[in-house]
Amino acid sequence: MIIDTIPDIHGQHEKLLALLAALGYAQTGGTWRAPHSDRGLVFLGDLIDRGRGQREVLDLVRALEDAGLARRVLGNHEMNGLHWAMERDGAPVRRHSPANQAHHQAFLDAFAGDTPGYMAALDWLAQAPFVLHDGPFVFVHAFWTPQIEADAATALGPGLHGGGFDALANTPGFLDAGVPTGTAGQALDLLTKGPESALPAGFSIATDHGIVRTAVRRAWWAHQPTAWMDGCASVPEGSIMPEGAPPALDHLGTIPQEARVLFGHYWRRDLQLGGGIPAFQRRFVCLDQSAGAGGDEPLVALTIDTAQGELPLDPDGTLRRDAVTVVR
């Protein structure tokens, strides 16, 4: 099967429409159709937040799904949005702080005055799995190992498919993911947010979104990094990092050599900086090129042939340009 893989959209409806048109998907007679019958889409999560087309993106992806053309996995913004609306012991699972509300404001505004529509959207979002597999290809939002997937299945119950908003709101393991450290929900947090490491005392970074962090996202695909900057992701240029190497991540399990992992989440800028999109260790690809920032930041799709079982790579280990579709 031919799969067009699309990462974080973040409410950028016009970019998504342009990307689908460039890939050859079209709406005829009220139904979406693929360029040919052996082709479909996988969305890597983070459909929501930031952009102006929140409801439009959800309606479009759902129409593609209803037409049998699309599958999707849950992103951290979807999980955060679900936790925002869920309660545990009388308190929101995701704290209603000003910073957290700012993350969700575009999504909340899109459903202002329409509580039934808001809850229906959350119920549909909650039905997404955390991981999809097709041959050696693994589709996930942020991070994957077989051990983490197994731990997530235990936390969530049978399978990794959510049963809708009410089912997840009554699943302790899913609620645990709102405060994941040391809980059964830690595996769900890792699948959608990836591993992080606390910075040593006295160090912090200010992100491009105005948030000051004392822990950093880890570039889990980096093989035995010897410096913090090499072993971390989403770190703004000019950040002062500690000396020495970051802690090892070997407690999270290993990724089989045959696995090819496609993910988003990390706000990379490979295309903006004039390069190609790398396949780390020729096995791991982050497709998020910061489309959620708006402007001319690109939204991309990677087209793979699952029958071939390999990523479409140039000799230098970057994705072949003919396999990557880009809109701005």
C-alpha atoms as a PDB file:
ATOM      1  CA  MET A   1       0.000   0.000   0.000  1.00  0.00           C
ATOM      2  CA  ILE A   2       1.084   3.576  -0.636  1.00  0.00           C
ATOM      3  CA  ILE A   3       0.803   5.727   2.504  1.00  0.00           C
ATOM      4  CA  ASP A   4       1.024   9.516   2.597  1.00  0.00           C
ATOM      5  CA  THR A   5       2.133  10.427   6.122  1.00  0.00           C
ATOM      6  CA  ILE A   6       1.255  13.907   7.404  1.00  0.00           C
ATOM      7  CA  PRO A   7       2.566  15.330  10.689  1.00  0.00           C
ATOM      8  CA  ASP A   8       1.379  18.098  13.008  1.00  0.00           C
ATOM      9  CA  ILE A   9      -1.236  20.364  11.351  1.00  0.00           C
ATOM     10  CA  HIS A  10      -2.199  22.517  14.369  1.00  0.00           C
ATOM     11  CA  GLY A  11      -5.317  23.980  12.805  1.00  0.00           C
ATOM     12  CA  GLN A  12      -3.644  25.033   9.532  1.00  0.00           C
ATOM     13  CA  HIS A  13      -6.649  24.163   7.375  1.00  0.00           C
ATOM     14  CA  GLU A  14      -5.555  25.940   4.205  1.00  0.00           C
ATOM     15  CA  LYS A  15      -2.165  24.229   4.251  1.00  0.00           C
ATOM     16  CA  LEU A  16      -3.840  20.854   4.693  1.00  0.00           C
ATOM     17  CA  LEU A  17      -6.181  21.490   1.754  1.00  0.00           C
ATOM     18  CA  ALA A  18      -3.215  22.524  -0.412  1.00  0.00           C
ATOM     19  CA  LEU A  19      -1.231  19.459   0.618  1.00  0.00           C
ATOM     20  CA  LEU A  20      -4.095  17.075  -0.156  1.00  0.00           C
ATOM     21  CA  ALA A  21      -4.524  18.682  -3.589  1.00  0.00           C
ATOM     22  CA  ALA A  22      -0.789  18.373  -4.277  1.00  0.00           C
ATOM     23  CA  LEU A  23      -0.953  14.685  -3.352  1.00  0.00           C
ATOM     24  CA  GLY A  24      -3.916  14.121  -5.682  1.00  0.00           C
ATOM     25  CA  TYR A  25      -6.743  13.709  -3.169  1.00  0.00           C
ATOM     26  CA  ALA A  26      -9.974  15.314  -4.321  1.00  0.00           C
ATOM     27  CA  GLN A  27     -13.562  15.688  -3.220  1.00  0.00           C
ATOM     28  CA  THR A  28     -16.080  14.597  -5.831  1.00  0.00           C
ATOM     29  CA  GLY A  29     -19.787  14.109  -5.278  1.00  0.00           C
ATOM     30  CA  GLY A  30     -19.399  15.008  -1.619  1.00  0.00           C
ATOM     31  CA  THR A  31     -16.867  12.216  -0.997  1.00  0.00           C
ATOM     32  CA  TRP A  32     -13.094  12.333  -0.772  1.00  0.00           C
ATOM     33  CA  ARG A  33     -11.196  10.077  -3.161  1.00  0.00           C
ATOM     34  CA  ALA A  34      -7.551   9.024  -3.295  1.00  0.00           C
ATOM     35  CA  PRO A  35      -5.385   9.234  -6.435  1.00  0.00           C
ATOM     36  CA  HIS A  36      -5.815   5.459  -6.745  1.00  0.00           C
ATOM     37  CA  SER A  37      -7.370   2.663  -4.712  1.00  0.00           C
ATOM     38  CA  ASP A  38      -4.148   1.408  -3.111  1.00  0.00           C
ATOM     39  CA  ARG A  39      -3.326   4.696  -1.400  1.00  0.00           C
ATOM     40  CA  GLY A  40      -4.221   6.280   1.910  1.00  0.00           C
ATOM     41  CA  LEU A  41      -3.240   8.749   4.607  1.00  0.00           C
ATOM     42  CA  VAL A  42      -1.828   8.524   8.111  1.00  0.00           C
ATOM     43  CA  PHE A  43      -1.949  11.616  10.320  1.00  0.00           C
ATOM     44  CA  LEU A  44       0.656  11.745  13.088  1.00  0.00           C
ATOM     45  CA  GLY A  45      -1.400  13.707  15.632  1.00  0.00           C
ATOM     46  CA  ASP A  46      -1.543  17.325  16.805  1.00  0.00           C
ATOM     47  CA  LEU A  47      -4.424  18.234  14.541  1.00  0.00           C
ATOM     48  CA  ILE A  48      -5.467  20.981  16.965  1.00  0.00           C
ATOM     49  CA  ASP A  49      -4.310  24.169  18.730  1.00  0.00           C
ATOM     50  CA  ARG A  50      -2.582  27.304  17.378  1.00  0.00           C
ATOM     51  CA  GLY A  51      -4.041  27.799  13.873  1.00  0.00           C
ATOM     52  CA  ARG A  52      -7.271  29.497  12.779  1.00  0.00           C
ATOM     53  CA  GLY A  53      -8.893  26.429  11.188  1.00  0.00           C
ATOM     54  CA  GLN A  54      -9.496  24.221  14.227  1.00  0.00           C
ATOM     55  CA  ARG A  55     -12.967  22.897  13.409  1.00  0.00           C
ATOM     56  CA  GLU A  56     -12.251  22.817   9.693  1.00  0.00           C
ATOM     57  CA  VAL A  57      -9.214  20.562  10.160  1.00  0.00           C
ATOM     58  CA  LEU A  58     -11.171  18.157  12.355  1.00  0.00           C
ATOM     59  CA  ASP A  59     -14.076  18.070   9.894  1.00  0.00           C
ATOM     60  CA  LEU A  60     -11.724  17.431   6.989  1.00  0.00           C
ATOM     61  CA  VAL A  61      -9.735  14.649   8.663  1.00  0.00           C
ATOM     62  CA  ARG A  62     -12.939  13.044   9.864  1.00  0.00           C
ATOM     63  CA  ALA A  63     -14.394  13.146   6.329  1.00  0.00           C
ATOM     64  CA  LEU A  64     -11.235  11.462   5.021  1.00  0.00           C
ATOM     65  CA  GLU A  65     -11.500   8.867   7.773  1.00  0.00           C
ATOM     66  CA  ASP A  66     -15.197   8.248   7.045  1.00  0.00           C
ATOM     67  CA  ALA A  67     -14.295   7.740   3.373  1.00  0.00           C
ATOM     68  CA  GLY A  68     -11.857   4.987   4.404  1.00  0.00           C
ATOM     69  CA  LEU A  69      -8.838   6.996   3.269  1.00  0.00           C
ATOM     70  CA  ALA A  70      -7.250   8.049   6.553  1.00  0.00           C
ATOM     71  CA  ARG A  71      -5.978   6.780   9.871  1.00  0.00           C
ATOM     72  CA  ARG A  72      -4.539   8.843  12.711  1.00  0.00           C
ATOM     73  CA  VAL A  73      -2.687   8.602  15.989  1.00  0.00           C
ATOM     74  CA  LEU A  74      -3.145  10.700  19.106  1.00  0.00           C
ATOM     75  CA  GLY A  75      -0.823  13.655  19.636  1.00  0.00           C
ATOM     76  CA  ASN A  76       0.099  15.402  22.862  1.00  0.00           C
ATOM     77  CA  HIS A  77      -2.143  18.379  22.025  1.00  0.00           C
ATOM     78  CA  GLU A  78      -5.130  16.062  21.664  1.00  0.00           C
ATOM     79  CA  MET A  79      -4.255  14.327  24.933  1.00  0.00           C
ATOM     80  CA  ASN A  80      -3.792  17.666  26.691  1.00  0.00           C
ATOM     81  CA  GLY A  81      -7.126  18.854  25.298  1.00  0.00           C
ATOM     82  CA  LEU A  82      -8.850  15.734  26.606  1.00  0.00           C
ATOM     83  CA  HIS A  83      -7.216  16.109  30.019  1.00  0.00           C
ATOM     84  CA  TRP A  84      -8.309  19.761  30.081  1.00  0.00           C
ATOM     85  CA  ALA A  85     -11.947  18.649  29.876  1.00  0.00           C
ATOM     86  CA  MET A  86     -11.651  15.672  32.251  1.00  0.00           C
ATOM     87  CA  GLU A  87     -11.774  15.668  36.041  1.00  0.00           C
ATOM     88  CA  ARG A  88     -10.275  13.512  38.745  1.00  0.00           C
ATOM     89  CA  ASP A  89     -11.222  13.889  42.391  1.00  0.00           C
ATOM     90  CA  GLY A  90     -13.145  17.065  41.527  1.00  0.00           C
ATOM     91  CA  ALA A  91     -10.244  18.860  39.818  1.00  0.00           C
ATOM     92  CA  PRO A  92      -9.260  19.179  36.143  1.00  0.00           C
ATOM     93  CA  VAL A  93      -6.740  16.551  35.067  1.00  0.00           C
ATOM     94  CA  ARG A  94      -4.841  19.273  33.200  1.00  0.00           C
ATOM     95  CA  ARG A  95      -4.554  22.304  35.423  1.00  0.00           C
ATOM     96  CA  HIS A  96      -6.463  25.341  34.139  1.00  0.00           C
ATOM     97  CA  SER A  97      -3.488  27.662  34.470  1.00  0.00           C
ATOM     98  CA  PRO A  98      -3.070  30.712  32.205  1.00  0.00           C
ATOM     99  CA  ALA A  99      -0.167  29.018  30.387  1.00  0.00           C
ATOM    100  CA  ASN A 100      -2.126  25.828  29.752  1.00  0.00           C
ATOM    101  CA  GLN A 101      -5.183  27.783  28.624  1.00  0.00           C
ATOM    102  CA  ALA A 102      -3.024  29.731  26.175  1.00  0.00           C
ATOM    103  CA  HIS A 103      -2.027  26.420  24.590  1.00  0.00           C
ATOM    104  CA  HIS A 104      -5.682  25.496  24.042  1.00  0.00           C
ATOM    105  CA  GLN A 105      -7.199  28.902  23.386  1.00  0.00           C
ATOM    106  CA  ALA A 106      -7.598  28.535  19.614  1.00  0.00           C
ATOM    107  CA  PHE A 107      -9.327  25.181  20.065  1.00  0.00           C
ATOM    108  CA  LEU A 108     -11.559  26.481  22.870  1.00  0.00           C
ATOM    109  CA  ASP A 109     -12.456  29.583  20.858  1.00  0.00           C
ATOM    110  CA  ALA A 110     -13.479  27.451  17.879  1.00  0.00           C
ATOM    111  CA  PHE A 111     -16.206  25.856  19.998  1.00  0.00           C
ATOM    112  CA  ALA A 112     -17.216  28.878  22.063  1.00  0.00           C
ATOM    113  CA  GLY A 113     -20.935  28.667  22.760  1.00  0.00           C
ATOM    114  CA  ASP A 114     -21.189  25.167  21.272  1.00  0.00           C
ATOM    115  CA  THR A 115     -20.731  22.725  24.125  1.00  0.00           C
ATOM    116  CA  PRO A 116     -22.305  19.778  22.227  1.00  0.00           C
ATOM    117  CA  GLY A 117     -19.962  20.374  19.287  1.00  0.00           C
ATOM    118  CA  TYR A 118     -16.982  20.656  21.623  1.00  0.00           C
ATOM    119  CA  MET A 119     -17.794  17.393  23.386  1.00  0.00           C
ATOM    120  CA  ALA A 120     -18.439  15.624  20.068  1.00  0.00           C
ATOM    121  CA  ALA A 121     -15.025  16.763  18.829  1.00  0.00           C
ATOM    122  CA  LEU A 122     -13.337  15.513  21.991  1.00  0.00           C
ATOM    123  CA  ASP A 123     -15.168  12.188  21.723  1.00  0.00           C
ATOM    124  CA  TRP A 124     -13.895  11.722  18.159  1.00  0.00           C
ATOM    125  CA  LEU A 125     -10.358  12.734  19.106  1.00  0.00           C
ATOM    126  CA  ALA A 126     -10.435  10.211  21.958  1.00  0.00           C
ATOM    127  CA  GLN A 127     -11.053   7.358  19.514  1.00  0.00           C
ATOM    128  CA  ALA A 128      -7.574   7.603  17.976  1.00  0.00           C
ATOM    129  CA  PRO A 129      -4.970   4.945  18.770  1.00  0.00           C
ATOM    130  CA  PHE A 130      -1.584   5.906  20.156  1.00  0.00           C
ATOM    131  CA  VAL A 131       0.380   3.765  17.686  1.00  0.00           C
ATOM    132  CA  LEU A 132      -0.197   2.315  14.216  1.00  0.00           C
ATOM    133  CA  HIS A 133       1.833  -0.421  12.506  1.00  0.00           C
ATOM    134  CA  ASP A 134       2.114  -1.353   8.846  1.00  0.00           C
ATOM    135  CA  GLY A 135       4.832  -3.917   8.181  1.00  0.00           C
ATOM    136  CA  PRO A 136       8.105  -2.523   9.567  1.00  0.00           C
ATOM    137  CA  PHE A 137       6.672   1.021   9.688  1.00  0.00           C
ATOM    138  CA  VAL A 138       5.596   2.453  13.038  1.00  0.00           C
ATOM    139  CA  PHE A 139       3.481   5.623  13.123  1.00  0.00           C
ATOM    140  CA  VAL A 140       3.468   7.507  16.426  1.00  0.00           C
ATOM    141  CA  HIS A 141       3.393  11.121  17.522  1.00  0.00           C
ATOM    142  CA  ALA A 142       6.643  11.425  19.473  1.00  0.00           C
ATOM    143  CA  PHE A 143       8.403   8.225  20.595  1.00  0.00           C
ATOM    144  CA  TRP A 144       8.151   4.446  20.484  1.00  0.00           C
ATOM    145  CA  THR A 145       9.748   1.285  21.727  1.00  0.00           C
ATOM    146  CA  PRO A 146       8.024  -2.109  22.019  1.00  0.00           C
ATOM    147  CA  GLN A 147       8.432  -1.883  25.800  1.00  0.00           C
ATOM    148  CA  ILE A 148       6.681   1.493  25.969  1.00  0.00           C
ATOM    149  CA  GLU A 149       3.882   0.282  23.700  1.00  0.00           C
ATOM    150  CA  ALA A 150       3.350  -2.750  25.936  1.00  0.00           C
ATOM    151  CA  ASP A 151       3.337  -0.570  29.066  1.00  0.00           C
ATOM    152  CA  ALA A 152       0.841   1.772  27.394  1.00  0.00           C
ATOM    153  CA  ALA A 153      -1.447  -1.134  26.537  1.00  0.00           C
ATOM    154  CA  THR A 154      -1.408  -2.184  30.182  1.00  0.00           C
ATOM    155  CA  ALA A 155      -2.216   1.351  31.335  1.00  0.00           C
ATOM    156  CA  LEU A 156      -5.012   1.817  28.840  1.00  0.00           C
ATOM    157  CA  GLY A 157      -6.542  -1.624  28.848  1.00  0.00           C
ATOM    158  CA  PRO A 158      -7.025  -3.979  25.877  1.00  0.00           C
ATOM    159  CA  GLY A 159      -5.466  -2.505  22.744  1.00  0.00           C
ATOM    160  CA  LEU A 160      -4.313   1.050  22.206  1.00  0.00           C
ATOM    161  CA  HIS A 161      -7.551   2.369  20.744  1.00  0.00           C
ATOM    162  CA  GLY A 162      -9.500   4.800  22.862  1.00  0.00           C
ATOM    163  CA  GLY A 163     -13.193   4.080  23.216  1.00  0.00           C
ATOM    164  CA  GLY A 164     -14.232   7.703  23.159  1.00  0.00           C
ATOM    165  CA  PHE A 165     -14.244  10.510  25.717  1.00  0.00           C
ATOM    166  CA  ASP A 166     -16.282   8.771  28.425  1.00  0.00           C
ATOM    167  CA  ALA A 167     -14.247   5.574  28.182  1.00  0.00           C
ATOM    168  CA  LEU A 168     -10.942   7.414  28.586  1.00  0.00           C
ATOM    169  CA  ALA A 169     -12.332   9.649  31.333  1.00  0.00           C
ATOM    170  CA  ASN A 170     -12.989   6.459  33.295  1.00  0.00           C
ATOM    171  CA  THR A 171      -9.622   4.854  32.558  1.00  0.00           C
ATOM    172  CA  PRO A 172      -7.233   5.535  35.475  1.00  0.00           C
ATOM    173  CA  GLY A 173      -4.169   4.925  33.323  1.00  0.00           C
ATOM    174  CA  PHE A 174      -5.218   7.636  30.871  1.00  0.00           C
ATOM    175  CA  LEU A 175      -5.910  10.096  33.683  1.00  0.00           C
ATOM    176  CA  ASP A 176      -2.505   9.205  35.152  1.00  0.00           C
ATOM    177  CA  ALA A 177      -0.884  10.520  31.966  1.00  0.00           C
ATOM    178  CA  GLY A 178      -1.890  14.027  33.076  1.00  0.00           C
ATOM    179  CA  VAL A 179       0.696  13.738  35.890  1.00  0.00           C
ATOM    180  CA  PRO A 180       2.795  10.930  34.468  1.00  0.00           C
ATOM    181  CA  THR A 181       5.906  10.672  36.641  1.00  0.00           C
ATOM    182  CA  GLY A 182       5.885   7.380  38.478  1.00  0.00           C
ATOM    183  CA  THR A 183       2.363   6.445  37.316  1.00  0.00           C
ATOM    184  CA  ALA A 184       0.864   3.888  34.950  1.00  0.00           C
ATOM    185  CA  GLY A 185       0.220   6.740  32.516  1.00  0.00           C
ATOM    186  CA  GLN A 186       3.912   7.451  31.965  1.00  0.00           C
ATOM    187  CA  ALA A 187       4.002   5.230  28.874  1.00  0.00           C
ATOM    188  CA  LEU A 188       1.109   7.163  27.273  1.00  0.00           C
ATOM    189  CA  ASP A 189       2.942  10.401  28.029  1.00  0.00           C
ATOM    190  CA  LEU A 190       6.098   9.039  26.366  1.00  0.00           C
ATOM    191  CA  LEU A 191       4.267   7.975  23.193  1.00  0.00           C
ATOM    192  CA  THR A 192       2.769  11.451  22.745  1.00  0.00           C
ATOM    193  CA  LYS A 193       5.458  13.721  24.246  1.00  0.00           C
ATOM    194  CA  GLY A 194       8.675  11.714  24.097  1.00  0.00           C
ATOM    195  CA  PRO A 195      11.277  11.385  26.841  1.00  0.00           C
ATOM    196  CA  GLU A 196      12.588  14.430  28.678  1.00  0.00           C
ATOM    197  CA  SER A 197      15.538  14.975  31.000  1.00  0.00           C
ATOM    198  CA  ALA A 198      15.733  17.446  33.861  1.00  0.00           C
ATOM    199  CA  LEU A 199      18.463  20.020  33.428  1.00  0.00           C
ATOM    200  CA  PRO A 200      21.010  20.365  36.230  1.00  0.00           C
ATOM    201  CA  ALA A 201      20.318  23.007  38.878  1.00  0.00           C
ATOM    202  CA  GLY A 202      20.805  26.526  37.575  1.00  0.00           C
ATOM    203  CA  PHE A 203      20.011  25.695  33.927  1.00  0.00           C
ATOM    204  CA  SER A 204      16.812  26.482  32.042  1.00  0.00           C
ATOM    205  CA  ILE A 205      15.798  27.256  28.464  1.00  0.00           C
ATOM    206  CA  ALA A 206      13.270  29.734  27.105  1.00  0.00           C
ATOM    207  CA  THR A 207      11.331  28.208  24.209  1.00  0.00           C
ATOM    208  CA  ASP A 208      10.145  30.036  21.112  1.00  0.00           C
ATOM    209  CA  HIS A 209       6.622  29.887  22.616  1.00  0.00           C
ATOM    210  CA  GLY A 210       7.619  31.963  25.656  1.00  0.00           C
ATOM    211  CA  ILE A 211       7.823  29.033  28.082  1.00  0.00           C
ATOM    212  CA  VAL A 212      10.783  28.592  30.429  1.00  0.00           C
ATOM    213  CA  ARG A 213      11.675  24.929  30.904  1.00  0.00           C
ATOM    214  CA  THR A 214      13.925  23.221  33.426  1.00  0.00           C
ATOM    215  CA  ALA A 215      13.631  19.942  31.520  1.00  0.00           C
ATOM    216  CA  VAL A 216      14.305  19.357  27.833  1.00  0.00           C
ATOM    217  CA  ARG A 217      12.932  17.086  25.156  1.00  0.00           C
ATOM    218  CA  ARG A 218      15.426  14.403  24.294  1.00  0.00           C
ATOM    219  CA  ALA A 219      16.577  13.596  20.762  1.00  0.00           C
ATOM    220  CA  TRP A 220      16.068   9.896  21.440  1.00  0.00           C
ATOM    221  CA  TRP A 221      17.169   9.084  17.886  1.00  0.00           C
ATOM    222  CA  ALA A 222      20.695  10.411  18.530  1.00  0.00           C
ATOM    223  CA  HIS A 223      23.110   7.516  19.006  1.00  0.00           C
ATOM    224  CA  GLN A 224      25.077   7.899  22.269  1.00  0.00           C
ATOM    225  CA  PRO A 225      25.268  11.723  22.325  1.00  0.00           C
ATOM    226  CA  THR A 226      28.335  13.149  24.050  1.00  0.00           C
ATOM    227  CA  ALA A 227      26.914  16.663  24.528  1.00  0.00           C
ATOM    228  CA  TRP A 228      23.590  17.943  25.865  1.00  0.00           C
ATOM    229  CA  MET A 229      22.874  19.954  22.724  1.00  0.00           C
ATOM    230  CA  ASP A 230      23.333  16.872  20.514  1.00  0.00           C
ATOM    231  CA  GLY A 231      21.095  14.781  22.737  1.00  0.00           C
ATOM    232  CA  CYS A 232      18.220  17.258  23.006  1.00  0.00           C
ATOM    233  CA  ALA A 233      15.464  18.458  20.676  1.00  0.00           C
ATOM    234  CA  SER A 234      13.409  21.637  20.300  1.00  0.00           C
ATOM    235  CA  VAL A 235      16.167  23.687  21.961  1.00  0.00           C
ATOM    236  CA  PRO A 236      16.292  27.267  20.613  1.00  0.00           C
ATOM    237  CA  GLU A 237      19.535  28.523  19.133  1.00  0.00           C
ATOM    238  CA  GLY A 238      21.709  30.328  21.645  1.00  0.00           C
ATOM    239  CA  SER A 239      20.548  28.263  24.618  1.00  0.00           C
ATOM    240  CA  ILE A 240      23.260  27.614  27.174  1.00  0.00           C
ATOM    241  CA  MET A 241      23.430  23.913  27.893  1.00  0.00           C
ATOM    242  CA  PRO A 242      25.333  21.997  30.587  1.00  0.00           C
ATOM    243  CA  GLU A 243      28.731  20.504  29.929  1.00  0.00           C
ATOM    244  CA  GLY A 244      29.089  16.778  29.427  1.00  0.00           C
ATOM    245  CA  ALA A 245      26.641  14.197  28.138  1.00  0.00           C
ATOM    246  CA  PRO A 246      22.946  13.915  29.011  1.00  0.00           C
ATOM    247  CA  PRO A 247      21.759  10.817  30.892  1.00  0.00           C
ATOM    248  CA  ALA A 248      21.224   7.620  28.942  1.00  0.00           C
ATOM    249  CA  LEU A 249      17.708   6.562  27.931  1.00  0.00           C
ATOM    250  CA  ASP A 250      18.350   2.834  27.948  1.00  0.00           C
ATOM    251  CA  HIS A 251      15.660   2.231  30.607  1.00  0.00           C
ATOM    252  CA  LEU A 252      12.978   2.853  27.964  1.00  0.00           C
ATOM    253  CA  GLY A 253      13.766  -0.235  25.910  1.00  0.00           C
ATOM    254  CA  THR A 254      15.362  -0.680  22.508  1.00  0.00           C
ATOM    255  CA  ILE A 255      13.928  -0.230  19.019  1.00  0.00           C
ATOM    256  CA  PRO A 256      14.297  -3.283  16.751  1.00  0.00           C
ATOM    257  CA  GLN A 257      16.690  -2.786  13.863  1.00  0.00           C
ATOM    258  CA  GLU A 258      13.988  -3.584  11.321  1.00  0.00           C
ATOM    259  CA  ALA A 259      11.575  -0.902  12.606  1.00  0.00           C
ATOM    260  CA  ARG A 260      11.127   2.328  10.637  1.00  0.00           C
ATOM    261  CA  VAL A 261       9.570   4.950  12.925  1.00  0.00           C
ATOM    262  CA  LEU A 262       7.706   7.983  11.525  1.00  0.00           C
ATOM    263  CA  PHE A 263       6.833  10.733  14.000  1.00  0.00           C
ATOM    264  CA  GLY A 264       6.213  14.478  14.378  1.00  0.00           C
ATOM    265  CA  HIS A 265       6.133  16.648  17.521  1.00  0.00           C
ATOM    266  CA  TYR A 266       9.618  18.199  17.527  1.00  0.00           C
ATOM    267  CA  TRP A 267       9.209  21.437  15.503  1.00  0.00           C
ATOM    268  CA  ARG A 268      12.207  20.861  13.262  1.00  0.00           C
ATOM    269  CA  ARG A 269      13.403  23.307  10.579  1.00  0.00           C
ATOM    270  CA  ASP A 270      15.379  21.115   8.177  1.00  0.00           C
ATOM    271  CA  LEU A 271      13.690  22.483   5.039  1.00  0.00           C
ATOM    272  CA  GLN A 272      13.731  26.071   6.276  1.00  0.00           C
ATOM    273  CA  LEU A 273      17.501  25.836   6.771  1.00  0.00           C
ATOM    274  CA  GLY A 274      17.988  24.615   3.219  1.00  0.00           C
ATOM    275  CA  GLY A 275      18.621  20.937   3.847  1.00  0.00           C
ATOM    276  CA  GLY A 276      16.714  17.752   3.296  1.00  0.00           C
ATOM    277  CA  ILE A 277      14.747  15.887   5.955  1.00  0.00           C
ATOM    278  CA  PRO A 278      17.120  13.413   7.630  1.00  0.00           C
ATOM    279  CA  ALA A 279      16.391   9.799   8.443  1.00  0.00           C
ATOM    280  CA  PHE A 280      18.307   9.368  11.677  1.00  0.00           C
ATOM    281  CA  GLN A 281      20.292   6.132  11.638  1.00  0.00           C
ATOM    282  CA  ARG A 282      18.404   5.604   8.333  1.00  0.00           C
ATOM    283  CA  ARG A 283      15.450   4.385  10.429  1.00  0.00           C
ATOM    284  CA  PHE A 284      13.791   7.319  12.212  1.00  0.00           C
ATOM    285  CA  VAL A 285      12.114  10.332  10.556  1.00  0.00           C
ATOM    286  CA  CYS A 286      10.646  13.448  12.168  1.00  0.00           C
ATOM    287  CA  LEU A 287       8.278  15.000   9.633  1.00  0.00           C
ATOM    288  CA  ASP A 288       7.215  18.017  11.715  1.00  0.00           C
ATOM    289  CA  GLN A 289       8.677  21.062   9.940  1.00  0.00           C
ATOM    290  CA  SER A 290       6.936  23.620  12.185  1.00  0.00           C
ATOM    291  CA  ALA A 291       3.834  24.152  10.030  1.00  0.00           C
ATOM    292  CA  GLY A 292       1.908  24.997  13.192  1.00  0.00           C
ATOM    293  CA  ALA A 293       3.834  28.250  13.500  1.00  0.00           C
ATOM    294  CA  GLY A 294       1.827  29.633  10.575  1.00  0.00           C
ATOM    295  CA  GLY A 295       3.292  31.914   7.940  1.00  0.00           C
ATOM    296  CA  ASP A 296       5.270  30.112   5.254  1.00  0.00           C
ATOM    297  CA  GLU A 297       6.484  27.297   7.521  1.00  0.00           C
ATOM    298  CA  PRO A 298       6.000  24.112   5.483  1.00  0.00           C
ATOM    299  CA  LEU A 299       3.538  21.296   5.948  1.00  0.00           C
ATOM    300  CA  VAL A 300       4.923  18.117   4.426  1.00  0.00           C
ATOM    301  CA  ALA A 301       3.838  14.622   3.525  1.00  0.00           C
ATOM    302  CA  LEU A 302       6.111  11.596   3.111  1.00  0.00           C
ATOM    303  CA  THR A 303       4.928   8.986   0.630  1.00  0.00           C
ATOM    304  CA  ILE A 304       6.064   5.434   1.372  1.00  0.00           C
ATOM    305  CA  ASP A 305       5.405   2.065  -0.209  1.00  0.00           C
ATOM    306  CA  THR A 306       4.801  -0.388   2.611  1.00  0.00           C
ATOM    307  CA  ALA A 307       5.454  -3.341   0.281  1.00  0.00           C
ATOM    308  CA  GLN A 308       9.067  -2.211  -0.122  1.00  0.00           C
ATOM    309  CA  GLY A 309       9.612  -2.033   3.629  1.00  0.00           C
ATOM    310  CA  GLU A 310      12.241   0.726   3.453  1.00  0.00           C
ATOM    311  CA  LEU A 311      12.287   4.480   3.699  1.00  0.00           C
ATOM    312  CA  PRO A 312      12.837   6.332   0.393  1.00  0.00           C
ATOM    313  CA  LEU A 313      16.349   7.675   1.021  1.00  0.00           C
ATOM    314  CA  ASP A 314      19.116   9.370  -0.901  1.00  0.00           C
ATOM    315  CA  PRO A 315      22.669   8.071  -0.344  1.00  0.00           C
ATOM    316  CA  ASP A 316      23.302  10.791   2.253  1.00  0.00           C
ATOM    317  CA  GLY A 317      20.461   9.475   4.436  1.00  0.00           C
ATOM    318  CA  THR A 318      17.948  12.235   3.719  1.00  0.00           C
ATOM    319  CA  LEU A 319      14.478  11.574   2.352  1.00  0.00           C
ATOM    320  CA  ARG A 320      14.289  11.553  -1.431  1.00  0.00           C
ATOM    321  CA  ARG A 321      12.788  14.787  -2.693  1.00  0.00           C
ATOM    322  CA  ASP A 322      10.374  12.909  -4.974  1.00  0.00           C
ATOM    323  CA  ALA A 323       8.894  11.194  -1.888  1.00  0.00           C
ATOM    324  CA  VAL A 324       8.291  14.448   0.019  1.00  0.00           C
ATOM    325  CA  THR A 325       5.455  16.826  -0.870  1.00  0.00           C
ATOM    326  CA  VAL A 326       5.758  20.335   0.557  1.00  0.00           C
ATOM    327  CA  VAL A 327       3.259  23.217   0.783  1.00  0.00           C
ATOM    328  CA  ARG A 328       3.715  26.573   2.499  1.00  0.00           C
END
